[in-house]
Amino acid sequence: MAFGKPKKEKILKTVTVASADKSERQRSIDQALKEIRTKFGDEAITTFGAGAPQKIPVVPTGSIGLDAALGVGGLPRGRIIEIFGPESSGKTTLALHVVAEAQKAGGIAAFVDAEHALDPEYARRIGVKLQELLISQPDTGEQALDIVESLVRSGNVDIIVIDSVAALTPKDEIEGEMGQQHVGKQARLMSQALRKLTAIVARSKTIVVFINQIRMQIGVMFGNPETTPGGKALKFYTSVRLDIRRIASIKKGEEVVGGRVRVKVVKNKVAAPFKTTEFDLLYNEGISREGELIALGEKFGLVEK
């Protein structure tokens, strides 16, 4: 059986109908966009091709290797970051280096010292400009998070460090009696705060760094028994999570002068995750930049040990 060629009129009709459908869809979308922008403002909805920046703005961490492991050259602006690890692993030191880098670029930094344990002299040696650093030592978790929210809403703070999540104690627990149970209150506090913070952090381009500790779950027979305080909300809302561990001591003769640390990017929404890097943390100095440069030179065959 022979099949005839489709008539030219039929093809033209099909193309015309498709074009009309596309035009109608575009008019419908344009109307929806107009309503959204009228109700919520011009910046409520846009496209990446409409002038939105493609390159993610960052603040360096002070470690060449960690900046490379993060994939974008530092901690991304407008995001929530978590730095966690065991005690004395270098969490606060790393956060202070980021603060120093932000200040070098002319930025404003704030430090919410919930642990009441910040050593100003150590921060100064790392490179933090103490006279320009905003510092708060809140009495309760609610007060700390309210301060963070106010600073973020100002739109003029480049980085805020909260040290630490474990020290963000709910007001009810502080005012309650010793031994009284307050199950889940800190997790609920963090969940509520992060729901409020996420959107305003993105708009203000502020980096909010939560320092967190590690706890061991009792009764875990299989899998990793380690967990972090503050519930699951922080894990969900963070764009970057850094796991920092001390892996060796650095000695000068018999004296321990620092430690070798390994940092693993366990979560990364702005680049590939699970990359690791190692660097030296020296007491009273912080990250050893010279040590990193020598290690990188050795890695690429520029330096022989």
C-alpha atoms as a PDB file:
ATOM      1  CA  MET A   1       0.000   0.000   0.000  1.00  0.00           C
ATOM      2  CA  ALA A   2       1.370   3.447  -0.942  1.00  0.00           C
ATOM      3  CA  PHE A   3       1.247   6.256   1.560  1.00  0.00           C
ATOM      4  CA  GLY A   4       0.737   9.747   0.266  1.00  0.00           C
ATOM      5  CA  LYS A   5       2.702  12.742   1.475  1.00  0.00           C
ATOM      6  CA  PRO A   6       1.053  14.821   4.227  1.00  0.00           C
ATOM      7  CA  LYS A   7      -0.613  17.887   2.920  1.00  0.00           C
ATOM      8  CA  LYS A   8       1.253  21.172   3.309  1.00  0.00           C
ATOM      9  CA  GLU A   9      -1.818  22.835   4.831  1.00  0.00           C
ATOM     10  CA  LYS A  10      -1.945  20.240   7.635  1.00  0.00           C
ATOM     11  CA  ILE A  11       1.732  20.774   8.548  1.00  0.00           C
ATOM     12  CA  LEU A  12       1.282  24.541   8.652  1.00  0.00           C
ATOM     13  CA  LYS A  13      -1.802  24.156  10.822  1.00  0.00           C
ATOM     14  CA  THR A  14       0.094  21.955  13.326  1.00  0.00           C
ATOM     15  CA  VAL A  15       2.969  24.454  13.591  1.00  0.00           C
ATOM     16  CA  THR A  16       0.539  27.350  14.017  1.00  0.00           C
ATOM     17  CA  VAL A  17      -1.347  25.560  16.808  1.00  0.00           C
ATOM     18  CA  ALA A  18       1.924  24.701  18.618  1.00  0.00           C
ATOM     19  CA  SER A  19       3.094  28.317  18.367  1.00  0.00           C
ATOM     20  CA  ALA A  20      -0.240  29.542  19.669  1.00  0.00           C
ATOM     21  CA  ASP A  21      -0.042  27.124  22.622  1.00  0.00           C
ATOM     22  CA  LYS A  22       3.493  28.290  23.442  1.00  0.00           C
ATOM     23  CA  SER A  23       2.448  31.932  23.226  1.00  0.00           C
ATOM     24  CA  GLU A  24      -0.522  31.285  25.506  1.00  0.00           C
ATOM     25  CA  ARG A  25       1.709  29.509  28.043  1.00  0.00           C
ATOM     26  CA  GLN A  26       4.173  32.407  28.013  1.00  0.00           C
ATOM     27  CA  ARG A  27       1.375  34.929  28.581  1.00  0.00           C
ATOM     28  CA  SER A  28       0.127  32.849  31.501  1.00  0.00           C
ATOM     29  CA  ILE A  29       3.631  32.673  33.036  1.00  0.00           C
ATOM     30  CA  ASP A  30       4.193  36.413  32.506  1.00  0.00           C
ATOM     31  CA  GLN A  31       0.925  37.149  34.293  1.00  0.00           C
ATOM     32  CA  ALA A  32       1.905  34.906  37.226  1.00  0.00           C
ATOM     33  CA  LEU A  33       5.339  36.585  37.454  1.00  0.00           C
ATOM     34  CA  LYS A  34       3.711  40.014  37.414  1.00  0.00           C
ATOM     35  CA  GLU A  35       1.407  39.057  40.291  1.00  0.00           C
ATOM     36  CA  ILE A  36       4.305  37.605  42.325  1.00  0.00           C
ATOM     37  CA  ARG A  37       6.498  40.687  41.811  1.00  0.00           C
ATOM     38  CA  THR A  38       3.632  43.042  42.628  1.00  0.00           C
ATOM     39  CA  LYS A  39       2.938  41.155  45.846  1.00  0.00           C
ATOM     40  CA  PHE A  40       6.462  40.289  47.020  1.00  0.00           C
ATOM     41  CA  GLY A  41       8.833  42.636  45.121  1.00  0.00           C
ATOM     42  CA  ASP A  42      10.939  42.439  41.954  1.00  0.00           C
ATOM     43  CA  GLU A  43      13.586  40.200  43.554  1.00  0.00           C
ATOM     44  CA  ALA A  44      11.063  37.568  44.661  1.00  0.00           C
ATOM     45  CA  ILE A  45      11.474  35.592  41.431  1.00  0.00           C
ATOM     46  CA  THR A  46      13.937  35.784  38.555  1.00  0.00           C
ATOM     47  CA  THR A  47      16.039  33.579  36.259  1.00  0.00           C
ATOM     48  CA  PHE A  48      19.757  32.861  36.359  1.00  0.00           C
ATOM     49  CA  GLY A  49      20.049  34.490  32.944  1.00  0.00           C
ATOM     50  CA  ALA A  50      18.611  37.768  34.222  1.00  0.00           C
ATOM     51  CA  GLY A  51      21.821  39.123  35.695  1.00  0.00           C
ATOM     52  CA  ALA A  52      22.051  36.864  38.760  1.00  0.00           C
ATOM     53  CA  PRO A  53      25.711  36.213  39.694  1.00  0.00           C
ATOM     54  CA  GLN A  54      27.041  32.831  38.634  1.00  0.00           C
ATOM     55  CA  LYS A  55      30.210  32.794  40.756  1.00  0.00           C
ATOM     56  CA  ILE A  56      29.629  32.070  44.442  1.00  0.00           C
ATOM     57  CA  PRO A  57      31.174  34.792  46.655  1.00  0.00           C
ATOM     58  CA  VAL A  58      33.336  33.332  49.423  1.00  0.00           C
ATOM     59  CA  VAL A  59      35.552  34.192  52.393  1.00  0.00           C
ATOM     60  CA  PRO A  60      38.857  32.227  52.535  1.00  0.00           C
ATOM     61  CA  THR A  61      39.422  29.920  55.500  1.00  0.00           C
ATOM     62  CA  GLY A  62      43.084  30.753  56.016  1.00  0.00           C
ATOM     63  CA  SER A  63      44.080  27.274  54.799  1.00  0.00           C
ATOM     64  CA  ILE A  64      45.100  26.858  51.150  1.00  0.00           C
ATOM     65  CA  GLY A  65      44.298  23.145  51.210  1.00  0.00           C
ATOM     66  CA  LEU A  66      40.871  23.613  52.807  1.00  0.00           C
ATOM     67  CA  ASP A  67      39.942  26.353  50.335  1.00  0.00           C
ATOM     68  CA  ALA A  68      40.773  23.901  47.538  1.00  0.00           C
ATOM     69  CA  ALA A  69      38.839  21.058  49.215  1.00  0.00           C
ATOM     70  CA  LEU A  70      35.751  23.281  49.474  1.00  0.00           C
ATOM     71  CA  GLY A  71      35.835  23.660  45.694  1.00  0.00           C
ATOM     72  CA  VAL A  72      34.955  27.366  45.612  1.00  0.00           C
ATOM     73  CA  GLY A  73      37.949  28.904  47.397  1.00  0.00           C
ATOM     74  CA  GLY A  74      36.484  29.351  50.870  1.00  0.00           C
ATOM     75  CA  LEU A  75      33.247  29.416  52.839  1.00  0.00           C
ATOM     76  CA  PRO A  76      30.291  30.562  50.694  1.00  0.00           C
ATOM     77  CA  ARG A  77      28.554  33.805  51.643  1.00  0.00           C
ATOM     78  CA  GLY A  78      24.881  33.741  52.529  1.00  0.00           C
ATOM     79  CA  ARG A  79      25.078  30.191  53.880  1.00  0.00           C
ATOM     80  CA  ILE A  80      24.985  28.386  57.217  1.00  0.00           C
ATOM     81  CA  ILE A  81      28.161  26.452  58.062  1.00  0.00           C
ATOM     82  CA  GLU A  82      28.899  23.866  60.761  1.00  0.00           C
ATOM     83  CA  ILE A  83      32.386  23.083  62.061  1.00  0.00           C
ATOM     84  CA  PHE A  84      32.362  20.068  64.381  1.00  0.00           C
ATOM     85  CA  GLY A  85      34.851  17.736  65.994  1.00  0.00           C
ATOM     86  CA  PRO A  86      36.224  16.432  69.315  1.00  0.00           C
ATOM     87  CA  GLU A  87      37.574  18.737  72.007  1.00  0.00           C
ATOM     88  CA  SER A  88      40.870  20.524  71.255  1.00  0.00           C
ATOM     89  CA  SER A  89      40.720  19.620  67.571  1.00  0.00           C
ATOM     90  CA  GLY A  90      40.986  23.215  66.304  1.00  0.00           C
ATOM     91  CA  LYS A  91      37.334  24.155  65.690  1.00  0.00           C
ATOM     92  CA  THR A  92      37.492  27.628  67.231  1.00  0.00           C
ATOM     93  CA  THR A  93      40.940  28.261  65.745  1.00  0.00           C
ATOM     94  CA  LEU A  94      39.645  27.537  62.241  1.00  0.00           C
ATOM     95  CA  ALA A  95      36.620  29.797  62.803  1.00  0.00           C
ATOM     96  CA  LEU A  96      38.876  32.621  64.047  1.00  0.00           C
ATOM     97  CA  HIS A  97      41.002  32.306  60.914  1.00  0.00           C
ATOM     98  CA  VAL A  98      37.880  32.825  58.786  1.00  0.00           C
ATOM     99  CA  VAL A  99      37.014  35.875  60.916  1.00  0.00           C
ATOM    100  CA  ALA A 100      40.528  37.260  60.343  1.00  0.00           C
ATOM    101  CA  GLU A 101      40.223  36.712  56.580  1.00  0.00           C
ATOM    102  CA  ALA A 102      36.858  38.499  56.504  1.00  0.00           C
ATOM    103  CA  GLN A 103      38.339  41.443  58.415  1.00  0.00           C
ATOM    104  CA  LYS A 104      41.319  41.605  56.030  1.00  0.00           C
ATOM    105  CA  ALA A 105      38.845  42.177  53.196  1.00  0.00           C
ATOM    106  CA  GLY A 106      37.236  45.034  55.136  1.00  0.00           C
ATOM    107  CA  GLY A 107      34.310  42.993  56.439  1.00  0.00           C
ATOM    108  CA  ILE A 108      32.522  43.175  59.779  1.00  0.00           C
ATOM    109  CA  ALA A 109      32.678  40.079  62.004  1.00  0.00           C
ATOM    110  CA  ALA A 110      30.793  39.038  65.136  1.00  0.00           C
ATOM    111  CA  PHE A 111      31.569  36.311  67.677  1.00  0.00           C
ATOM    112  CA  VAL A 112      28.783  34.945  69.893  1.00  0.00           C
ATOM    113  CA  ASP A 113      30.704  33.357  72.762  1.00  0.00           C
ATOM    114  CA  ALA A 114      28.066  31.123  74.349  1.00  0.00           C
ATOM    115  CA  GLU A 115      30.820  29.131  76.097  1.00  0.00           C
ATOM    116  CA  HIS A 116      32.289  32.303  77.662  1.00  0.00           C
ATOM    117  CA  ALA A 117      35.715  30.924  76.794  1.00  0.00           C
ATOM    118  CA  LEU A 118      37.172  33.083  74.008  1.00  0.00           C
ATOM    119  CA  ASP A 119      40.822  34.017  74.581  1.00  0.00           C
ATOM    120  CA  PRO A 120      41.223  37.539  73.133  1.00  0.00           C
ATOM    121  CA  GLU A 121      45.026  37.364  73.105  1.00  0.00           C
ATOM    122  CA  TYR A 122      44.992  34.092  71.147  1.00  0.00           C
ATOM    123  CA  ALA A 123      42.502  35.572  68.679  1.00  0.00           C
ATOM    124  CA  ARG A 124      44.785  38.596  68.225  1.00  0.00           C
ATOM    125  CA  ARG A 125      47.797  36.368  67.499  1.00  0.00           C
ATOM    126  CA  ILE A 126      45.804  34.543  64.830  1.00  0.00           C
ATOM    127  CA  GLY A 127      45.137  37.858  63.105  1.00  0.00           C
ATOM    128  CA  VAL A 128      41.730  38.934  64.437  1.00  0.00           C
ATOM    129  CA  LYS A 129      41.349  42.709  64.848  1.00  0.00           C
ATOM    130  CA  LEU A 130      39.874  42.769  68.338  1.00  0.00           C
ATOM    131  CA  GLN A 131      38.998  46.468  68.237  1.00  0.00           C
ATOM    132  CA  GLU A 132      36.716  45.765  65.245  1.00  0.00           C
ATOM    133  CA  LEU A 133      35.267  42.428  66.419  1.00  0.00           C
ATOM    134  CA  LEU A 134      31.687  42.445  67.707  1.00  0.00           C
ATOM    135  CA  ILE A 135      31.488  40.060  70.668  1.00  0.00           C
ATOM    136  CA  SER A 136      28.546  38.858  72.733  1.00  0.00           C
ATOM    137  CA  GLN A 137      28.464  36.521  75.724  1.00  0.00           C
ATOM    138  CA  PRO A 138      24.754  35.679  76.066  1.00  0.00           C
ATOM    139  CA  ASP A 139      23.155  34.109  79.135  1.00  0.00           C
ATOM    140  CA  THR A 140      20.691  31.829  77.313  1.00  0.00           C
ATOM    141  CA  GLY A 141      20.326  30.061  73.996  1.00  0.00           C
ATOM    142  CA  GLU A 142      17.299  32.191  73.095  1.00  0.00           C
ATOM    143  CA  GLN A 143      19.258  35.384  73.726  1.00  0.00           C
ATOM    144  CA  ALA A 144      22.178  34.154  71.612  1.00  0.00           C
ATOM    145  CA  LEU A 145      19.994  33.259  68.640  1.00  0.00           C
ATOM    146  CA  ASP A 146      18.013  36.515  68.898  1.00  0.00           C
ATOM    147  CA  ILE A 147      21.315  38.414  68.739  1.00  0.00           C
ATOM    148  CA  VAL A 148      22.359  36.396  65.680  1.00  0.00           C
ATOM    149  CA  GLU A 149      19.027  37.136  63.978  1.00  0.00           C
ATOM    150  CA  SER A 150      19.329  40.884  64.662  1.00  0.00           C
ATOM    151  CA  LEU A 151      22.881  40.985  63.288  1.00  0.00           C
ATOM    152  CA  VAL A 152      21.882  39.079  60.151  1.00  0.00           C
ATOM    153  CA  ARG A 153      18.856  41.331  59.565  1.00  0.00           C
ATOM    154  CA  SER A 154      21.127  44.395  59.693  1.00  0.00           C
ATOM    155  CA  GLY A 155      22.553  43.212  56.373  1.00  0.00           C
ATOM    156  CA  ASN A 156      26.003  44.610  57.171  1.00  0.00           C
ATOM    157  CA  VAL A 157      27.726  41.772  59.035  1.00  0.00           C
ATOM    158  CA  ASP A 158      29.920  39.527  56.884  1.00  0.00           C
ATOM    159  CA  ILE A 159      30.413  36.619  59.287  1.00  0.00           C
ATOM    160  CA  ILE A 160      28.938  35.526  62.614  1.00  0.00           C
ATOM    161  CA  VAL A 161      30.501  32.699  64.642  1.00  0.00           C
ATOM    162  CA  ILE A 162      28.472  30.913  67.339  1.00  0.00           C
ATOM    163  CA  ASP A 163      30.667  29.000  69.800  1.00  0.00           C
ATOM    164  CA  SER A 164      29.132  26.578  70.446  1.00  0.00           C
ATOM    165  CA  VAL A 165      25.807  24.829  69.765  1.00  0.00           C
ATOM    166  CA  ALA A 166      26.212  22.667  72.878  1.00  0.00           C
ATOM    167  CA  ALA A 167      26.390  25.843  75.010  1.00  0.00           C
ATOM    168  CA  LEU A 168      23.109  27.269  73.648  1.00  0.00           C
ATOM    169  CA  THR A 169      21.166  26.314  76.761  1.00  0.00           C
ATOM    170  CA  PRO A 170      17.399  27.011  76.740  1.00  0.00           C
ATOM    171  CA  LYS A 171      16.154  29.515  79.322  1.00  0.00           C
ATOM    172  CA  ASP A 172      13.867  26.917  80.960  1.00  0.00           C
ATOM    173  CA  GLU A 173      16.855  24.667  81.633  1.00  0.00           C
ATOM    174  CA  ILE A 174      18.927  27.486  83.156  1.00  0.00           C
ATOM    175  CA  GLU A 175      16.088  28.595  85.419  1.00  0.00           C
ATOM    176  CA  GLY A 176      15.041  25.036  86.306  1.00  0.00           C
ATOM    177  CA  GLU A 177      16.369  22.873  89.099  1.00  0.00           C
ATOM    178  CA  MET A 178      19.391  20.599  88.881  1.00  0.00           C
ATOM    179  CA  GLY A 179      18.438  17.131  87.680  1.00  0.00           C
ATOM    180  CA  GLN A 180      15.235  18.308  85.997  1.00  0.00           C
ATOM    181  CA  GLN A 181      14.764  16.765  82.544  1.00  0.00           C
ATOM    182  CA  HIS A 182      14.466  19.024  79.476  1.00  0.00           C
ATOM    183  CA  VAL A 183      14.329  16.474  76.676  1.00  0.00           C
ATOM    184  CA  GLY A 184      14.418  17.926  73.160  1.00  0.00           C
ATOM    185  CA  LYS A 185      14.203  21.603  74.169  1.00  0.00           C
ATOM    186  CA  GLN A 186      17.542  22.556  72.645  1.00  0.00           C
ATOM    187  CA  ALA A 187      16.702  20.715  69.419  1.00  0.00           C
ATOM    188  CA  ARG A 188      13.360  22.557  69.170  1.00  0.00           C
ATOM    189  CA  LEU A 189      15.099  25.875  69.849  1.00  0.00           C
ATOM    190  CA  MET A 190      17.642  25.234  67.079  1.00  0.00           C
ATOM    191  CA  SER A 191      14.975  24.057  64.649  1.00  0.00           C
ATOM    192  CA  GLN A 192      12.881  27.192  65.142  1.00  0.00           C
ATOM    193  CA  ALA A 193      15.896  29.512  64.890  1.00  0.00           C
ATOM    194  CA  LEU A 194      17.239  27.906  61.717  1.00  0.00           C
ATOM    195  CA  ARG A 195      13.849  28.079  59.995  1.00  0.00           C
ATOM    196  CA  LYS A 196      13.872  31.839  60.610  1.00  0.00           C
ATOM    197  CA  LEU A 197      17.541  32.357  59.772  1.00  0.00           C
ATOM    198  CA  THR A 198      17.868  30.482  56.475  1.00  0.00           C
ATOM    199  CA  ALA A 199      16.069  32.986  54.235  1.00  0.00           C
ATOM    200  CA  ILE A 200      17.471  36.155  55.821  1.00  0.00           C
ATOM    201  CA  VAL A 201      21.013  34.736  55.812  1.00  0.00           C
ATOM    202  CA  ALA A 202      20.761  34.172  52.047  1.00  0.00           C
ATOM    203  CA  ARG A 203      19.493  37.719  51.438  1.00  0.00           C
ATOM    204  CA  SER A 204      22.088  39.401  53.665  1.00  0.00           C
ATOM    205  CA  LYS A 205      25.038  37.347  52.300  1.00  0.00           C
ATOM    206  CA  THR A 206      26.160  36.761  55.887  1.00  0.00           C
ATOM    207  CA  ILE A 207      28.143  33.616  56.714  1.00  0.00           C
ATOM    208  CA  VAL A 208      26.792  32.053  59.913  1.00  0.00           C
ATOM    209  CA  VAL A 209      29.243  29.538  61.407  1.00  0.00           C
ATOM    210  CA  PHE A 210      28.042  27.172  64.132  1.00  0.00           C
ATOM    211  CA  ILE A 211      30.817  25.433  66.076  1.00  0.00           C
ATOM    212  CA  ASN A 212      29.666  22.086  67.426  1.00  0.00           C
ATOM    213  CA  GLN A 213      30.992  19.283  69.578  1.00  0.00           C
ATOM    214  CA  ILE A 214      30.735  15.507  69.328  1.00  0.00           C
ATOM    215  CA  ARG A 215      28.752  13.264  71.658  1.00  0.00           C
ATOM    216  CA  MET A 216      28.668   9.467  71.876  1.00  0.00           C
ATOM    217  CA  GLN A 217      25.268   7.795  71.604  1.00  0.00           C
ATOM    218  CA  ILE A 218      24.732   5.239  74.352  1.00  0.00           C
ATOM    219  CA  GLY A 219      23.725   1.740  73.291  1.00  0.00           C
ATOM    220  CA  VAL A 220      24.727   1.986  69.617  1.00  0.00           C
ATOM    221  CA  MET A 221      26.044  -1.455  68.673  1.00  0.00           C
ATOM    222  CA  PHE A 222      26.429  -0.988  64.911  1.00  0.00           C
ATOM    223  CA  GLY A 223      27.402   2.013  62.832  1.00  0.00           C
ATOM    224  CA  ASN A 224      28.916   5.278  63.992  1.00  0.00           C
ATOM    225  CA  PRO A 225      28.001   6.072  67.621  1.00  0.00           C
ATOM    226  CA  GLU A 226      29.034   9.725  67.234  1.00  0.00           C
ATOM    227  CA  THR A 227      26.460  12.497  67.018  1.00  0.00           C
ATOM    228  CA  THR A 228      26.345  16.276  67.422  1.00  0.00           C
ATOM    229  CA  PRO A 229      24.150  18.269  69.860  1.00  0.00           C
ATOM    230  CA  GLY A 230      21.283  20.463  68.707  1.00  0.00           C
ATOM    231  CA  GLY A 231      19.148  17.934  66.864  1.00  0.00           C
ATOM    232  CA  LYS A 232      18.936  17.209  63.144  1.00  0.00           C
ATOM    233  CA  ALA A 233      17.878  20.687  61.981  1.00  0.00           C
ATOM    234  CA  LEU A 234      21.440  22.012  61.798  1.00  0.00           C
ATOM    235  CA  LYS A 235      22.551  19.081  59.632  1.00  0.00           C
ATOM    236  CA  PHE A 236      19.665  19.827  57.271  1.00  0.00           C
ATOM    237  CA  TYR A 237      19.999  23.617  56.995  1.00  0.00           C
ATOM    238  CA  THR A 238      23.791  23.810  56.623  1.00  0.00           C
ATOM    239  CA  SER A 239      25.340  24.235  53.179  1.00  0.00           C
ATOM    240  CA  VAL A 240      28.786  23.109  54.367  1.00  0.00           C
ATOM    241  CA  ARG A 241      29.733  20.795  57.248  1.00  0.00           C
ATOM    242  CA  LEU A 242      33.395  20.415  58.211  1.00  0.00           C
ATOM    243  CA  ASP A 243      34.599  17.516  60.362  1.00  0.00           C
ATOM    244  CA  ILE A 244      37.929  18.452  61.971  1.00  0.00           C
ATOM    245  CA  ARG A 245      40.083  15.887  63.826  1.00  0.00           C
ATOM    246  CA  ARG A 246      43.505  15.996  65.436  1.00  0.00           C
ATOM    247  CA  ILE A 247      45.573  13.143  64.000  1.00  0.00           C
ATOM    248  CA  ALA A 248      49.084  13.752  65.392  1.00  0.00           C
ATOM    249  CA  SER A 249      51.132  15.937  67.709  1.00  0.00           C
ATOM    250  CA  ILE A 250      53.895  18.238  66.502  1.00  0.00           C
ATOM    251  CA  LYS A 251      56.958  18.212  68.731  1.00  0.00           C
ATOM    252  CA  LYS A 252      60.017  20.391  69.021  1.00  0.00           C
ATOM    253  CA  GLY A 253      62.350  18.148  70.951  1.00  0.00           C
ATOM    254  CA  GLU A 254      60.247  16.825  73.818  1.00  0.00           C
ATOM    255  CA  GLU A 255      57.866  19.792  73.817  1.00  0.00           C
ATOM    256  CA  VAL A 256      54.513  19.548  72.005  1.00  0.00           C
ATOM    257  CA  VAL A 257      54.141  22.768  69.985  1.00  0.00           C
ATOM    258  CA  GLY A 258      51.042  21.961  67.950  1.00  0.00           C
ATOM    259  CA  GLY A 259      49.017  19.312  66.201  1.00  0.00           C
ATOM    260  CA  ARG A 260      48.356  17.922  62.745  1.00  0.00           C
ATOM    261  CA  VAL A 261      44.653  18.061  61.864  1.00  0.00           C
ATOM    262  CA  ARG A 262      42.554  16.497  59.141  1.00  0.00           C
ATOM    263  CA  VAL A 263      39.442  18.270  57.858  1.00  0.00           C
ATOM    264  CA  LYS A 264      36.798  16.412  55.879  1.00  0.00           C
ATOM    265  CA  VAL A 265      34.057  18.243  53.974  1.00  0.00           C
ATOM    266  CA  VAL A 266      31.207  15.881  54.912  1.00  0.00           C
ATOM    267  CA  LYS A 267      28.517  18.069  53.324  1.00  0.00           C
ATOM    268  CA  ASN A 268      28.888  20.581  50.509  1.00  0.00           C
ATOM    269  CA  LYS A 269      26.011  22.155  48.580  1.00  0.00           C
ATOM    270  CA  VAL A 270      28.268  24.412  46.501  1.00  0.00           C
ATOM    271  CA  ALA A 271      30.797  21.856  45.189  1.00  0.00           C
ATOM    272  CA  ALA A 272      31.705  18.170  45.413  1.00  0.00           C
ATOM    273  CA  PRO A 273      31.668  16.860  49.024  1.00  0.00           C
ATOM    274  CA  PHE A 274      33.827  14.324  50.893  1.00  0.00           C
ATOM    275  CA  LYS A 275      37.177  15.919  50.069  1.00  0.00           C
ATOM    276  CA  THR A 276      39.820  15.979  52.807  1.00  0.00           C
ATOM    277  CA  THR A 277      42.859  18.062  53.612  1.00  0.00           C
ATOM    278  CA  GLU A 278      45.503  18.142  56.335  1.00  0.00           C
ATOM    279  CA  PHE A 279      47.425  21.024  57.864  1.00  0.00           C
ATOM    280  CA  ASP A 280      49.377  21.957  60.993  1.00  0.00           C
ATOM    281  CA  LEU A 281      47.908  23.974  63.864  1.00  0.00           C
ATOM    282  CA  LEU A 282      50.605  25.557  66.014  1.00  0.00           C
ATOM    283  CA  TYR A 283      49.916  26.683  69.564  1.00  0.00           C
ATOM    284  CA  ASN A 284      49.684  30.473  69.888  1.00  0.00           C
ATOM    285  CA  GLU A 285      49.912  30.849  66.089  1.00  0.00           C
ATOM    286  CA  GLY A 286      47.085  28.924  64.446  1.00  0.00           C
ATOM    287  CA  ILE A 287      47.315  27.449  60.940  1.00  0.00           C
ATOM    288  CA  SER A 288      50.907  27.055  59.727  1.00  0.00           C
ATOM    289  CA  ARG A 289      50.839  28.609  56.256  1.00  0.00           C
ATOM    290  CA  GLU A 290      54.526  27.832  55.726  1.00  0.00           C
ATOM    291  CA  GLY A 291      53.901  24.162  56.519  1.00  0.00           C
ATOM    292  CA  GLU A 292      51.055  24.055  53.992  1.00  0.00           C
ATOM    293  CA  LEU A 293      53.177  25.645  51.255  1.00  0.00           C
ATOM    294  CA  ILE A 294      55.990  23.142  51.856  1.00  0.00           C
ATOM    295  CA  ALA A 295      53.530  20.209  51.821  1.00  0.00           C
ATOM    296  CA  LEU A 296      51.945  21.436  48.569  1.00  0.00           C
ATOM    297  CA  GLY A 297      55.379  21.980  47.023  1.00  0.00           C
ATOM    298  CA  GLU A 298      56.352  18.434  47.949  1.00  0.00           C
ATOM    299  CA  LYS A 299      53.066  17.079  46.572  1.00  0.00           C
ATOM    300  CA  PHE A 300      53.621  18.699  43.166  1.00  0.00           C
ATOM    301  CA  GLY A 301      57.332  17.896  43.009  1.00  0.00           C
ATOM    302  CA  LEU A 302      58.544  21.453  43.571  1.00  0.00           C
ATOM    303  CA  VAL A 303      60.171  20.723  46.930  1.00  0.00           C
ATOM    304  CA  GLU A 304      62.206  17.709  48.040  1.00  0.00           C
ATOM    305  CA  LYS A 305      62.151  16.573  51.655  1.00  0.00           C
END
